[in-house]
Amino acid sequence: MKDVLGFVVLLVGGIITASVGAVAHRGFPPFGVVLCVLMVALGAVFARTWLGWAGLGLYAGAWMTMTFVWALEGPGGSVLIVQDALGVGWLAGGAIAIVAASVMPSRLLVGAHGPR
């Protein structure tokens, strides 16, 4: 039951991270993008440290799915993630942050005697 709750938390965390980042990455250029990518990186490292590869995969999948939804054109022609330097920085930076969390050595995340 504890792991199921953990997966639900990571799923909701990925959705919230993508949603907040889609809105806030344009807030204070270029610092908004940097802070939003840092938020994704911290979430990804947390997910991998807490529930290993399955947790990171769930977090990354939720983040990618919601980011894809927010990048689509709305019914009135509006978009949240515009195809400019800030939008591309948000998309590429978030993806790079997740990849960076996936290639970090396990010893760095959980220590030399960790379970994963």
PDB file of N, CA and C in Angstrom:
ATOM      1  N   MET A   1       0.819  -1.194   0.000  1.00  0.00           N
ATOM      2  CA  MET A   1       0.000   0.000   0.000  1.00  0.00           C
ATOM      3  C   MET A   1       0.866   1.262   0.000  1.00  0.00           C
ATOM      4  N   LYS A   2       2.005   1.198   0.699  1.00  0.00           N
ATOM      5  CA  LYS A   2       2.897   2.348   0.766  1.00  0.00           C
ATOM      6  C   LYS A   2       3.445   2.703  -0.610  1.00  0.00           C
ATOM      7  N   ASP A   3       3.828   1.697  -1.405  1.00  0.00           N
ATOM      8  CA  ASP A   3       4.343   1.971  -2.738  1.00  0.00           C
ATOM      9  C   ASP A   3       3.266   2.531  -3.657  1.00  0.00           C
ATOM     10  N   VAL A   4       2.037   2.047  -3.514  1.00  0.00           N
ATOM     11  CA  VAL A   4       0.941   2.560  -4.349  1.00  0.00           C
ATOM     12  C   VAL A   4       0.730   4.043  -4.072  1.00  0.00           C
ATOM     13  N   LEU A   5       0.743   4.420  -2.802  1.00  0.00           N
ATOM     14  CA  LEU A   5       0.603   5.821  -2.443  1.00  0.00           C
ATOM     15  C   LEU A   5       1.777   6.637  -2.989  1.00  0.00           C
ATOM     16  N   GLY A   6       2.962   6.072  -2.955  1.00  0.00           N
ATOM     17  CA  GLY A   6       4.132   6.747  -3.514  1.00  0.00           C
ATOM     18  C   GLY A   6       3.994   6.987  -5.000  1.00  0.00           C
ATOM     19  N   PHE A   7       3.492   5.999  -5.730  1.00  0.00           N
ATOM     20  CA  PHE A   7       3.299   6.171  -7.162  1.00  0.00           C
ATOM     21  C   PHE A   7       2.234   7.223  -7.461  1.00  0.00           C
ATOM     22  N   VAL A   8       1.188   7.269  -6.650  1.00  0.00           N
ATOM     23  CA  VAL A   8       0.158   8.297  -6.835  1.00  0.00           C
ATOM     24  C   VAL A   8       0.749   9.685  -6.593  1.00  0.00           C
ATOM     25  N   VAL A   9       1.570   9.813  -5.566  1.00  0.00           N
ATOM     26  CA  VAL A   9       2.209  11.098  -5.270  1.00  0.00           C
ATOM     27  C   VAL A   9       3.108  11.524  -6.421  1.00  0.00           C
ATOM     28  N   LEU A  10       3.878  10.606  -6.991  1.00  0.00           N
ATOM     29  CA  LEU A  10       4.754  10.956  -8.107  1.00  0.00           C
ATOM     30  C   LEU A  10       3.967  11.288  -9.365  1.00  0.00           C
ATOM     31  N   LEU A  11       2.871  10.604  -9.587  1.00  0.00           N
ATOM     32  CA  LEU A  11       2.017  10.911 -10.733  1.00  0.00           C
ATOM     33  C   LEU A  11       1.457  12.326 -10.614  1.00  0.00           C
ATOM     34  N   VAL A  12       0.904  12.638  -9.464  1.00  0.00           N
ATOM     35  CA  VAL A  12       0.360  13.981  -9.241  1.00  0.00           C
ATOM     36  C   VAL A  12       1.482  15.022  -9.267  1.00  0.00           C
ATOM     37  N   GLY A  13       2.645  14.671  -8.739  1.00  0.00           N
ATOM     38  CA  GLY A  13       3.786  15.585  -8.776  1.00  0.00           C
ATOM     39  C   GLY A  13       4.230  15.910 -10.190  1.00  0.00           C
ATOM     40  N   GLY A  14       4.251  14.923 -11.067  1.00  0.00           N
ATOM     41  CA  GLY A  14       4.602  15.165 -12.462  1.00  0.00           C
ATOM     42  C   GLY A  14       3.584  16.057 -13.155  1.00  0.00           C
ATOM     43  N   ILE A  15       2.311  15.839 -12.856  1.00  0.00           N
ATOM     44  CA  ILE A  15       1.254  16.660 -13.447  1.00  0.00           C
ATOM     45  C   ILE A  15       1.348  18.102 -12.953  1.00  0.00           C
ATOM     46  N   ILE A  16       1.557  18.272 -11.658  1.00  0.00           N
ATOM     47  CA  ILE A  16       1.656  19.625 -11.095  1.00  0.00           C
ATOM     48  C   ILE A  16       2.906  20.334 -11.601  1.00  0.00           C
ATOM     49  N   THR A  17       4.028  19.630 -11.667  1.00  0.00           N
ATOM     50  CA  THR A  17       5.262  20.234 -12.146  1.00  0.00           C
ATOM     51  C   THR A  17       5.119  20.711 -13.589  1.00  0.00           C
ATOM     52  N   ALA A  18       4.520  19.900 -14.433  1.00  0.00           N
ATOM     53  CA  ALA A  18       4.319  20.294 -15.826  1.00  0.00           C
ATOM     54  C   ALA A  18       3.365  21.474 -15.934  1.00  0.00           C
ATOM     55  N   SER A  19       2.318  21.466 -15.131  1.00  0.00           N
ATOM     56  CA  SER A  19       1.328  22.536 -15.203  1.00  0.00           C
ATOM     57  C   SER A  19       1.894  23.867 -14.697  1.00  0.00           C
ATOM     58  N   VAL A  20       2.578  23.830 -13.578  1.00  0.00           N
ATOM     59  CA  VAL A  20       3.180  25.051 -13.045  1.00  0.00           C
ATOM     60  C   VAL A  20       4.258  25.564 -13.994  1.00  0.00           C
ATOM     61  N   GLY A  21       5.075  24.670 -14.506  1.00  0.00           N
ATOM     62  CA  GLY A  21       6.135  25.083 -15.419  1.00  0.00           C
ATOM     63  C   GLY A  21       5.612  25.650 -16.721  1.00  0.00           C
ATOM     64  N   ALA A  22       4.512  25.097 -17.231  1.00  0.00           N
ATOM     65  CA  ALA A  22       3.944  25.596 -18.490  1.00  0.00           C
ATOM     66  C   ALA A  22       3.470  27.036 -18.342  1.00  0.00           C
ATOM     67  N   VAL A  23       3.027  27.393 -17.164  1.00  0.00           N
ATOM     68  CA  VAL A  23       2.546  28.752 -16.930  1.00  0.00           C
ATOM     69  C   VAL A  23       3.686  29.670 -16.487  1.00  0.00           C
ATOM     70  N   ALA A  24       4.545  29.189 -15.610  1.00  0.00           N
ATOM     71  CA  ALA A  24       5.530  30.061 -14.955  1.00  0.00           C
ATOM     72  C   ALA A  24       6.831  30.234 -15.728  1.00  0.00           C
ATOM     73  N   HIS A  25       7.089  29.439 -16.758  1.00  0.00           N
ATOM     74  CA  HIS A  25       8.390  29.545 -17.423  1.00  0.00           C
ATOM     75  C   HIS A  25       8.585  30.885 -18.128  1.00  0.00           C
ATOM     76  N   ARG A  26       7.518  31.604 -18.402  1.00  0.00           N
ATOM     77  CA  ARG A  26       7.623  32.905 -19.036  1.00  0.00           C
ATOM     78  C   ARG A  26       7.592  34.050 -18.024  1.00  0.00           C
ATOM     79  N   GLY A  27       7.529  33.735 -16.749  1.00  0.00           N
ATOM     80  CA  GLY A  27       7.326  34.741 -15.710  1.00  0.00           C
ATOM     81  C   GLY A  27       8.377  35.824 -15.659  1.00  0.00           C
ATOM     82  N   PHE A  28       9.627  35.463 -15.480  1.00  0.00           N
ATOM     83  CA  PHE A  28      10.720  36.417 -15.362  1.00  0.00           C
ATOM     84  C   PHE A  28      11.846  35.961 -16.278  1.00  0.00           C
ATOM     85  N   PRO A  29      11.753  36.271 -17.568  1.00  0.00           N
ATOM     86  CA  PRO A  29      12.758  35.780 -18.512  1.00  0.00           C
ATOM     87  C   PRO A  29      14.151  36.248 -18.137  1.00  0.00           C
ATOM     88  N   PRO A  30      15.166  35.445 -18.244  1.00  0.00           N
ATOM     89  CA  PRO A  30      15.208  34.004 -18.470  1.00  0.00           C
ATOM     90  C   PRO A  30      15.172  33.195 -17.180  1.00  0.00           C
ATOM     91  N   PHE A  31      15.047  33.888 -16.043  1.00  0.00           N
ATOM     92  CA  PHE A  31      15.103  33.183 -14.759  1.00  0.00           C
ATOM     93  C   PHE A  31      13.911  32.252 -14.545  1.00  0.00           C
ATOM     94  N   GLY A  32      12.764  32.565 -15.130  1.00  0.00           N
ATOM     95  CA  GLY A  32      11.597  31.701 -15.001  1.00  0.00           C
ATOM     96  C   GLY A  32      11.851  30.325 -15.590  1.00  0.00           C
ATOM     97  N   VAL A  33      12.493  30.292 -16.764  1.00  0.00           N
ATOM     98  CA  VAL A  33      12.806  29.011 -17.399  1.00  0.00           C
ATOM     99  C   VAL A  33      13.797  28.227 -16.547  1.00  0.00           C
ATOM    100  N   VAL A  34      14.806  28.908 -16.057  1.00  0.00           N
ATOM    101  CA  VAL A  34      15.835  28.239 -15.255  1.00  0.00           C
ATOM    102  C   VAL A  34      15.223  27.642 -13.988  1.00  0.00           C
ATOM    103  N   LEU A  35      14.388  28.405 -13.312  1.00  0.00           N
ATOM    104  CA  LEU A  35      13.775  27.908 -12.080  1.00  0.00           C
ATOM    105  C   LEU A  35      12.795  26.772 -12.359  1.00  0.00           C
ATOM    106  N   CYS A  36      12.064  26.846 -13.459  1.00  0.00           N
ATOM    107  CA  CYS A  36      11.127  25.767 -13.796  1.00  0.00           C
ATOM    108  C   CYS A  36      11.861  24.486 -14.171  1.00  0.00           C
ATOM    109  N   VAL A  37      12.962  24.608 -14.888  1.00  0.00           N
ATOM    110  CA  VAL A  37      13.764  23.420 -15.223  1.00  0.00           C
ATOM    111  C   VAL A  37      14.392  22.844 -13.954  1.00  0.00           C
ATOM    112  N   LEU A  38      14.820  23.697 -13.052  1.00  0.00           N
ATOM    113  CA  LEU A  38      15.343  23.223 -11.767  1.00  0.00           C
ATOM    114  C   LEU A  38      14.268  22.481 -10.978  1.00  0.00           C
ATOM    115  N   MET A  39      13.031  22.956 -11.051  1.00  0.00           N
ATOM    116  CA  MET A  39      11.911  22.281 -10.383  1.00  0.00           C
ATOM    117  C   MET A  39      11.711  20.873 -10.962  1.00  0.00           C
ATOM    118  N   VAL A  40      11.807  20.749 -12.276  1.00  0.00           N
ATOM    119  CA  VAL A  40      11.672  19.430 -12.908  1.00  0.00           C
ATOM    120  C   VAL A  40      12.827  18.527 -12.490  1.00  0.00           C
ATOM    121  N   ALA A  41      14.036  19.076 -12.462  1.00  0.00           N
ATOM    122  CA  ALA A  41      15.206  18.280 -12.082  1.00  0.00           C
ATOM    123  C   ALA A  41      15.084  17.770 -10.647  1.00  0.00           C
ATOM    124  N   LEU A  42      14.676  18.625  -9.746  1.00  0.00           N
ATOM    125  CA  LEU A  42      14.527  18.199  -8.354  1.00  0.00           C
ATOM    126  C   LEU A  42      13.437  17.144  -8.212  1.00  0.00           C
ATOM    127  N   GLY A  43      12.339  17.307  -8.936  1.00  0.00           N
ATOM    128  CA  GLY A  43      11.279  16.298  -8.904  1.00  0.00           C
ATOM    129  C   GLY A  43      11.739  14.967  -9.457  1.00  0.00           C
ATOM    130  N   ALA A  44      12.523  15.004 -10.534  1.00  0.00           N
ATOM    131  CA  ALA A  44      13.011  13.762 -11.135  1.00  0.00           C
ATOM    132  C   ALA A  44      14.001  13.047 -10.219  1.00  0.00           C
ATOM    133  N   VAL A  45      14.902  13.796  -9.606  1.00  0.00           N
ATOM    134  CA  VAL A  45      15.853  13.182  -8.670  1.00  0.00           C
ATOM    135  C   VAL A  45      15.112  12.594  -7.468  1.00  0.00           C
ATOM    136  N   PHE A  46      14.121  13.314  -6.970  1.00  0.00           N
ATOM    137  CA  PHE A  46      13.322  12.814  -5.860  1.00  0.00           C
ATOM    138  C   PHE A  46      12.602  11.524  -6.245  1.00  0.00           C
ATOM    139  N   ALA A  47      12.015  11.503  -7.439  1.00  0.00           N
ATOM    140  CA  ALA A  47      11.277  10.317  -7.886  1.00  0.00           C
ATOM    141  C   ALA A  47      12.203   9.107  -8.002  1.00  0.00           C
ATOM    142  N   ARG A  48      13.376   9.312  -8.577  1.00  0.00           N
ATOM    143  CA  ARG A  48      14.297   8.183  -8.726  1.00  0.00           C
ATOM    144  C   ARG A  48      14.848   7.722  -7.381  1.00  0.00           C
ATOM    145  N   THR A  49      15.121   8.655  -6.498  1.00  0.00           N
ATOM    146  CA  THR A  49      15.639   8.287  -5.183  1.00  0.00           C
ATOM    147  C   THR A  49      14.592   7.537  -4.369  1.00  0.00           C
ATOM    148  N   TRP A  50      13.344   7.957  -4.444  1.00  0.00           N
ATOM    149  CA  TRP A  50      12.288   7.378  -3.620  1.00  0.00           C
ATOM    150  C   TRP A  50      11.841   6.013  -4.122  1.00  0.00           C
ATOM    151  N   LEU A  51      11.487   5.908  -5.404  1.00  0.00           N
ATOM    152  CA  LEU A  51      10.936   4.656  -5.916  1.00  0.00           C
ATOM    153  C   LEU A  51      11.703   4.090  -7.106  1.00  0.00           C
ATOM    154  N   GLY A  52      12.927   4.504  -7.286  1.00  0.00           N
ATOM    155  CA  GLY A  52      13.781   3.913  -8.314  1.00  0.00           C
ATOM    156  C   GLY A  52      13.326   4.232  -9.726  1.00  0.00           C
ATOM    157  N   TRP A  53      13.612   3.304 -10.631  1.00  0.00           N
ATOM    158  CA  TRP A  53      13.322   3.515 -12.044  1.00  0.00           C
ATOM    159  C   TRP A  53      11.832   3.607 -12.328  1.00  0.00           C
ATOM    160  N   ALA A  54      11.040   2.832 -11.627  1.00  0.00           N
ATOM    161  CA  ALA A  54       9.589   2.883 -11.847  1.00  0.00           C
ATOM    162  C   ALA A  54       9.039   4.253 -11.450  1.00  0.00           C
ATOM    163  N   GLY A  55       9.520   4.784 -10.356  1.00  0.00           N
ATOM    164  CA  GLY A  55       9.074   6.105  -9.924  1.00  0.00           C
ATOM    165  C   GLY A  55       9.491   7.197 -10.897  1.00  0.00           C
ATOM    166  N   LEU A  56      10.737   7.124 -11.373  1.00  0.00           N
ATOM    167  CA  LEU A  56      11.199   8.102 -12.346  1.00  0.00           C
ATOM    168  C   LEU A  56      10.424   7.984 -13.649  1.00  0.00           C
ATOM    169  N   GLY A  57      10.152   6.764 -14.077  1.00  0.00           N
ATOM    170  CA  GLY A  57       9.378   6.576 -15.305  1.00  0.00           C
ATOM    171  C   GLY A  57       7.968   7.131 -15.202  1.00  0.00           C
ATOM    172  N   LEU A  58       7.340   6.927 -14.056  1.00  0.00           N
ATOM    173  CA  LEU A  58       5.991   7.453 -13.861  1.00  0.00           C
ATOM    174  C   LEU A  58       6.004   8.977 -13.814  1.00  0.00           C
ATOM    175  N   TYR A  59       6.947   9.548 -13.086  1.00  0.00           N
ATOM    176  CA  TYR A  59       7.068  11.009 -13.010  1.00  0.00           C
ATOM    177  C   TYR A  59       7.331  11.598 -14.393  1.00  0.00           C
ATOM    178  N   ALA A  60       8.275  11.013 -15.117  1.00  0.00           N
ATOM    179  CA  ALA A  60       8.621  11.521 -16.446  1.00  0.00           C
ATOM    180  C   ALA A  60       7.448  11.374 -17.417  1.00  0.00           C
ATOM    181  N   GLY A  61       6.748  10.259 -17.348  1.00  0.00           N
ATOM    182  CA  GLY A  61       5.593  10.066 -18.221  1.00  0.00           C
ATOM    183  C   GLY A  61       4.491  11.067 -17.942  1.00  0.00           C
ATOM    184  N   ALA A  62       4.225  11.325 -16.673  1.00  0.00           N
ATOM    185  CA  ALA A  62       3.201  12.310 -16.311  1.00  0.00           C
ATOM    186  C   ALA A  62       3.629  13.705 -16.751  1.00  0.00           C
ATOM    187  N   TRP A  63       4.902  14.033 -16.558  1.00  0.00           N
ATOM    188  CA  TRP A  63       5.404  15.343 -16.970  1.00  0.00           C
ATOM    189  C   TRP A  63       5.310  15.511 -18.483  1.00  0.00           C
ATOM    190  N   MET A  64       5.741  14.501 -19.230  1.00  0.00           N
ATOM    191  CA  MET A  64       5.710  14.598 -20.693  1.00  0.00           C
ATOM    192  C   MET A  64       4.289  14.680 -21.228  1.00  0.00           C
ATOM    193  N   THR A  65       3.388  13.890 -20.660  1.00  0.00           N
ATOM    194  CA  THR A  65       2.000  13.904 -21.126  1.00  0.00           C
ATOM    195  C   THR A  65       1.355  15.264 -20.898  1.00  0.00           C
ATOM    196  N   MET A  66       1.503  15.812 -19.713  1.00  0.00           N
ATOM    197  CA  MET A  66       0.885  17.106 -19.429  1.00  0.00           C
ATOM    198  C   MET A  66       1.567  18.243 -20.186  1.00  0.00           C
ATOM    199  N   THR A  67       2.868  18.161 -20.374  1.00  0.00           N
ATOM    200  CA  THR A  67       3.562  19.175 -21.159  1.00  0.00           C
ATOM    201  C   THR A  67       3.090  19.137 -22.602  1.00  0.00           C
ATOM    202  N   PHE A  68       2.859  17.938 -23.132  1.00  0.00           N
ATOM    203  CA  PHE A  68       2.313  17.806 -24.480  1.00  0.00           C
ATOM    204  C   PHE A  68       0.927  18.439 -24.564  1.00  0.00           C
ATOM    205  N   VAL A  69       0.090  18.196 -23.578  1.00  0.00           N
ATOM    206  CA  VAL A  69      -1.258  18.771 -23.566  1.00  0.00           C
ATOM    207  C   VAL A  69      -1.191  20.291 -23.518  1.00  0.00           C
ATOM    208  N   TRP A  70      -0.318  20.851 -22.673  1.00  0.00           N
ATOM    209  CA  TRP A  70      -0.225  22.302 -22.556  1.00  0.00           C
ATOM    210  C   TRP A  70       0.414  22.941 -23.779  1.00  0.00           C
ATOM    211  N   ALA A  71       1.153  22.181 -24.578  1.00  0.00           N
ATOM    212  CA  ALA A  71       1.771  22.730 -25.787  1.00  0.00           C
ATOM    213  C   ALA A  71       0.809  22.762 -26.972  1.00  0.00           C
ATOM    214  N   LEU A  72      -0.328  22.085 -26.861  1.00  0.00           N
ATOM    215  CA  LEU A  72      -1.299  22.078 -27.955  1.00  0.00           C
ATOM    216  C   LEU A  72      -2.007  23.425 -28.062  1.00  0.00           C
ATOM    217  N   GLU A  73      -2.512  23.698 -29.252  1.00  0.00           N
ATOM    218  CA  GLU A  73      -3.273  24.921 -29.469  1.00  0.00           C
ATOM    219  C   GLU A  73      -4.680  24.750 -28.918  1.00  0.00           C
ATOM    220  N   GLY A  74      -5.131  25.737 -28.163  1.00  0.00           N
ATOM    221  CA  GLY A  74      -6.466  25.688 -27.575  1.00  0.00           C
ATOM    222  C   GLY A  74      -7.550  26.001 -28.590  1.00  0.00           C
ATOM    223  N   PRO A  75      -8.806  25.899 -28.192  1.00  0.00           N
ATOM    224  CA  PRO A  75      -9.904  26.127 -29.122  1.00  0.00           C
ATOM    225  C   PRO A  75      -9.939  27.556 -29.676  1.00  0.00           C
ATOM    226  N   GLY A  76      -9.445  28.526 -28.936  1.00  0.00           N
ATOM    227  CA  GLY A  76      -9.429  29.908 -29.406  1.00  0.00           C
ATOM    228  C   GLY A  76      -8.135  30.282 -30.099  1.00  0.00           C
ATOM    229  N   GLY A  77      -7.250  29.308 -30.289  1.00  0.00           N
ATOM    230  CA  GLY A  77      -5.970  29.562 -30.945  1.00  0.00           C
ATOM    231  C   GLY A  77      -4.859  29.937 -29.980  1.00  0.00           C
ATOM    232  N   SER A  78      -5.118  29.907 -28.688  1.00  0.00           N
ATOM    233  CA  SER A  78      -4.092  30.275 -27.720  1.00  0.00           C
ATOM    234  C   SER A  78      -3.259  29.058 -27.328  1.00  0.00           C
ATOM    235  N   VAL A  79      -2.023  29.321 -26.910  1.00  0.00           N
ATOM    236  CA  VAL A  79      -1.132  28.268 -26.435  1.00  0.00           C
ATOM    237  C   VAL A  79      -0.418  28.748 -25.181  1.00  0.00           C
ATOM    238  N   LEU A  80      -0.080  27.814 -24.311  1.00  0.00           N
ATOM    239  CA  LEU A  80       0.681  28.153 -23.112  1.00  0.00           C
ATOM    240  C   LEU A  80       2.184  28.086 -23.352  1.00  0.00           C
ATOM    241  N   ILE A  81       2.598  27.135 -24.170  1.00  0.00           N
ATOM    242  CA  ILE A  81       4.023  26.970 -24.459  1.00  0.00           C
ATOM    243  C   ILE A  81       4.246  27.398 -25.908  1.00  0.00           C
ATOM    244  N   VAL A  82       4.684  28.638 -26.077  1.00  0.00           N
ATOM    245  CA  VAL A  82       4.881  29.215 -27.401  1.00  0.00           C
ATOM    246  C   VAL A  82       6.192  28.695 -27.981  1.00  0.00           C
ATOM    247  N   GLN A  83       6.233  28.566 -29.298  1.00  0.00           N
ATOM    248  CA  GLN A  83       7.434  28.060 -29.951  1.00  0.00           C
ATOM    249  C   GLN A  83       8.415  29.215 -30.181  1.00  0.00           C
ATOM    250  N   ASP A  84       9.048  29.639 -29.092  1.00  0.00           N
ATOM    251  CA  ASP A  84      10.098  30.644 -29.126  1.00  0.00           C
ATOM    252  C   ASP A  84      11.232  30.169 -28.225  1.00  0.00           C
ATOM    253  N   ALA A  85      12.191  31.037 -27.945  1.00  0.00           N
ATOM    254  CA  ALA A  85      13.348  30.619 -27.149  1.00  0.00           C
ATOM    255  C   ALA A  85      12.944  30.160 -25.751  1.00  0.00           C
ATOM    256  N   LEU A  86      12.003  30.849 -25.123  1.00  0.00           N
ATOM    257  CA  LEU A  86      11.585  30.449 -23.778  1.00  0.00           C
ATOM    258  C   LEU A  86      10.834  29.124 -23.794  1.00  0.00           C
ATOM    259  N   GLY A  87       9.949  28.942 -24.747  1.00  0.00           N
ATOM    260  CA  GLY A  87       9.190  27.692 -24.845  1.00  0.00           C
ATOM    261  C   GLY A  87      10.074  26.501 -25.144  1.00  0.00           C
ATOM    262  N   VAL A  88      10.978  26.670 -26.091  1.00  0.00           N
ATOM    263  CA  VAL A  88      11.907  25.581 -26.427  1.00  0.00           C
ATOM    264  C   VAL A  88      12.854  25.314 -25.263  1.00  0.00           C
ATOM    265  N   GLY A  89      13.256  26.377 -24.564  1.00  0.00           N
ATOM    266  CA  GLY A  89      14.103  26.193 -23.386  1.00  0.00           C
ATOM    267  C   GLY A  89      13.399  25.397 -22.305  1.00  0.00           C
ATOM    268  N   TRP A  90      12.113  25.648 -22.111  1.00  0.00           N
ATOM    269  CA  TRP A  90      11.321  24.896 -21.137  1.00  0.00           C
ATOM    270  C   TRP A  90      11.207  23.436 -21.551  1.00  0.00           C
ATOM    271  N   LEU A  91      10.874  23.181 -22.807  1.00  0.00           N
ATOM    272  CA  LEU A  91      10.697  21.798 -23.264  1.00  0.00           C
ATOM    273  C   LEU A  91      12.010  21.023 -23.245  1.00  0.00           C
ATOM    274  N   ALA A  92      13.044  21.604 -23.850  1.00  0.00           N
ATOM    275  CA  ALA A  92      14.332  20.906 -23.913  1.00  0.00           C
ATOM    276  C   ALA A  92      14.978  20.813 -22.534  1.00  0.00           C
ATOM    277  N   GLY A  93      14.897  21.891 -21.762  1.00  0.00           N
ATOM    278  CA  GLY A  93      15.499  21.879 -20.430  1.00  0.00           C
ATOM    279  C   GLY A  93      14.861  20.860 -19.512  1.00  0.00           C
ATOM    280  N   GLY A  94      13.533  20.748 -19.550  1.00  0.00           N
ATOM    281  CA  GLY A  94      12.849  19.753 -18.731  1.00  0.00           C
ATOM    282  C   GLY A  94      13.219  18.335 -19.132  1.00  0.00           C
ATOM    283  N   ALA A  95      13.287  18.085 -20.437  1.00  0.00           N
ATOM    284  CA  ALA A  95      13.666  16.749 -20.909  1.00  0.00           C
ATOM    285  C   ALA A  95      15.109  16.421 -20.533  1.00  0.00           C
ATOM    286  N   ILE A  96      16.001  17.389 -20.675  1.00  0.00           N
ATOM    287  CA  ILE A  96      17.406  17.171 -20.306  1.00  0.00           C
ATOM    288  C   ILE A  96      17.532  16.936 -18.806  1.00  0.00           C
ATOM    289  N   ALA A  97      16.746  17.642 -18.012  1.00  0.00           N
ATOM    290  CA  ALA A  97      16.786  17.453 -16.554  1.00  0.00           C
ATOM    291  C   ALA A  97      16.365  16.037 -16.173  1.00  0.00           C
ATOM    292  N   ILE A  98      15.343  15.501 -16.843  1.00  0.00           N
ATOM    293  CA  ILE A  98      14.896  14.138 -16.552  1.00  0.00           C
ATOM    294  C   ILE A  98      15.954  13.122 -16.982  1.00  0.00           C
ATOM    295  N   VAL A  99      16.559  13.352 -18.144  1.00  0.00           N
ATOM    296  CA  VAL A  99      17.630  12.448 -18.598  1.00  0.00           C
ATOM    297  C   VAL A  99      18.817  12.514 -17.641  1.00  0.00           C
ATOM    298  N   ALA A 100      19.155  13.703 -17.175  1.00  0.00           N
ATOM    299  CA  ALA A 100      20.266  13.841 -16.226  1.00  0.00           C
ATOM    300  C   ALA A 100      19.990  13.088 -14.935  1.00  0.00           C
ATOM    301  N   ALA A 101      18.750  13.133 -14.475  1.00  0.00           N
ATOM    302  CA  ALA A 101      18.397  12.379 -13.269  1.00  0.00           C
ATOM    303  C   ALA A 101      18.468  10.882 -13.509  1.00  0.00           C
ATOM    304  N   SER A 102      18.229  10.466 -14.735  1.00  0.00           N
ATOM    305  CA  SER A 102      18.257   9.025 -15.026  1.00  0.00           C
ATOM    306  C   SER A 102      19.674   8.478 -15.166  1.00  0.00           C
ATOM    307  N   VAL A 103      20.629   9.319 -15.504  1.00  0.00           N
ATOM    308  CA  VAL A 103      21.999   8.816 -15.664  1.00  0.00           C
ATOM    309  C   VAL A 103      22.870   9.059 -14.434  1.00  0.00           C
ATOM    310  N   MET A 104      22.307   9.668 -13.401  1.00  0.00           N
ATOM    311  CA  MET A 104      23.077   9.857 -12.164  1.00  0.00           C
ATOM    312  C   MET A 104      23.368   8.507 -11.529  1.00  0.00           C
ATOM    313  N   PRO A 105      24.563   8.324 -11.003  1.00  0.00           N
ATOM    314  CA  PRO A 105      24.870   7.065 -10.324  1.00  0.00           C
ATOM    315  C   PRO A 105      23.995   6.862  -9.090  1.00  0.00           C
ATOM    316  N   SER A 106      23.590   5.640  -8.863  1.00  0.00           N
ATOM    317  CA  SER A 106      22.732   5.332  -7.713  1.00  0.00           C
ATOM    318  C   SER A 106      23.404   5.651  -6.393  1.00  0.00           C
ATOM    319  N   ARG A 107      24.699   5.486  -6.324  1.00  0.00           N
ATOM    320  CA  ARG A 107      25.424   5.783  -5.083  1.00  0.00           C
ATOM    321  C   ARG A 107      25.306   7.249  -4.709  1.00  0.00           C
ATOM    322  N   LEU A 108      25.244   8.097  -5.700  1.00  0.00           N
ATOM    323  CA  LEU A 108      25.095   9.522  -5.445  1.00  0.00           C
ATOM    324  C   LEU A 108      23.719   9.832  -4.861  1.00  0.00           C
ATOM    325  N   LEU A 109      22.725   9.044  -5.253  1.00  0.00           N
ATOM    326  CA  LEU A 109      21.346   9.304  -4.821  1.00  0.00           C
ATOM    327  C   LEU A 109      21.026   8.686  -3.457  1.00  0.00           C
ATOM    328  N   VAL A 110      21.368   7.422  -3.265  1.00  0.00           N
ATOM    329  CA  VAL A 110      20.959   6.734  -2.045  1.00  0.00           C
ATOM    330  C   VAL A 110      22.111   6.303  -1.161  1.00  0.00           C
ATOM    331  N   GLY A 111      23.323   6.617  -1.539  1.00  0.00           N
ATOM    332  CA  GLY A 111      24.478   6.252  -0.728  1.00  0.00           C
ATOM    333  C   GLY A 111      25.041   4.893  -1.141  1.00  0.00           C
ATOM    334  N   ALA A 112      26.142   4.538  -0.537  1.00  0.00           N
ATOM    335  CA  ALA A 112      26.838   3.315  -0.889  1.00  0.00           C
ATOM    336  C   ALA A 112      26.082   2.061  -0.451  1.00  0.00           C
ATOM    337  N   HIS A 113      25.233   2.158   0.559  1.00  0.00           N
ATOM    338  CA  HIS A 113      24.557   0.980   1.081  1.00  0.00           C
ATOM    339  C   HIS A 113      23.061   1.046   0.876  1.00  0.00           C
ATOM    340  N   GLY A 114      22.612   1.831  -0.101  1.00  0.00           N
ATOM    341  CA  GLY A 114      21.184   1.982  -0.343  1.00  0.00           C
ATOM    342  C   GLY A 114      20.571   0.760  -0.993  1.00  0.00           C
ATOM    343  N   PRO A 115      19.257   0.663  -0.975  1.00  0.00           N
ATOM    344  CA  PRO A 115      18.564  -0.511  -1.506  1.00  0.00           C
ATOM    345  C   PRO A 115      18.522  -0.559  -3.013  1.00  0.00           C
ATOM    346  N   ARG A 116      18.667   0.559  -3.728  1.00  0.00           N
ATOM    347  CA  ARG A 116      18.514   0.568  -5.187  1.00  0.00           C
ATOM    348  C   ARG A 116      19.838   0.800  -5.864  1.00  0.00           C
TER     349      ARG A 116
END
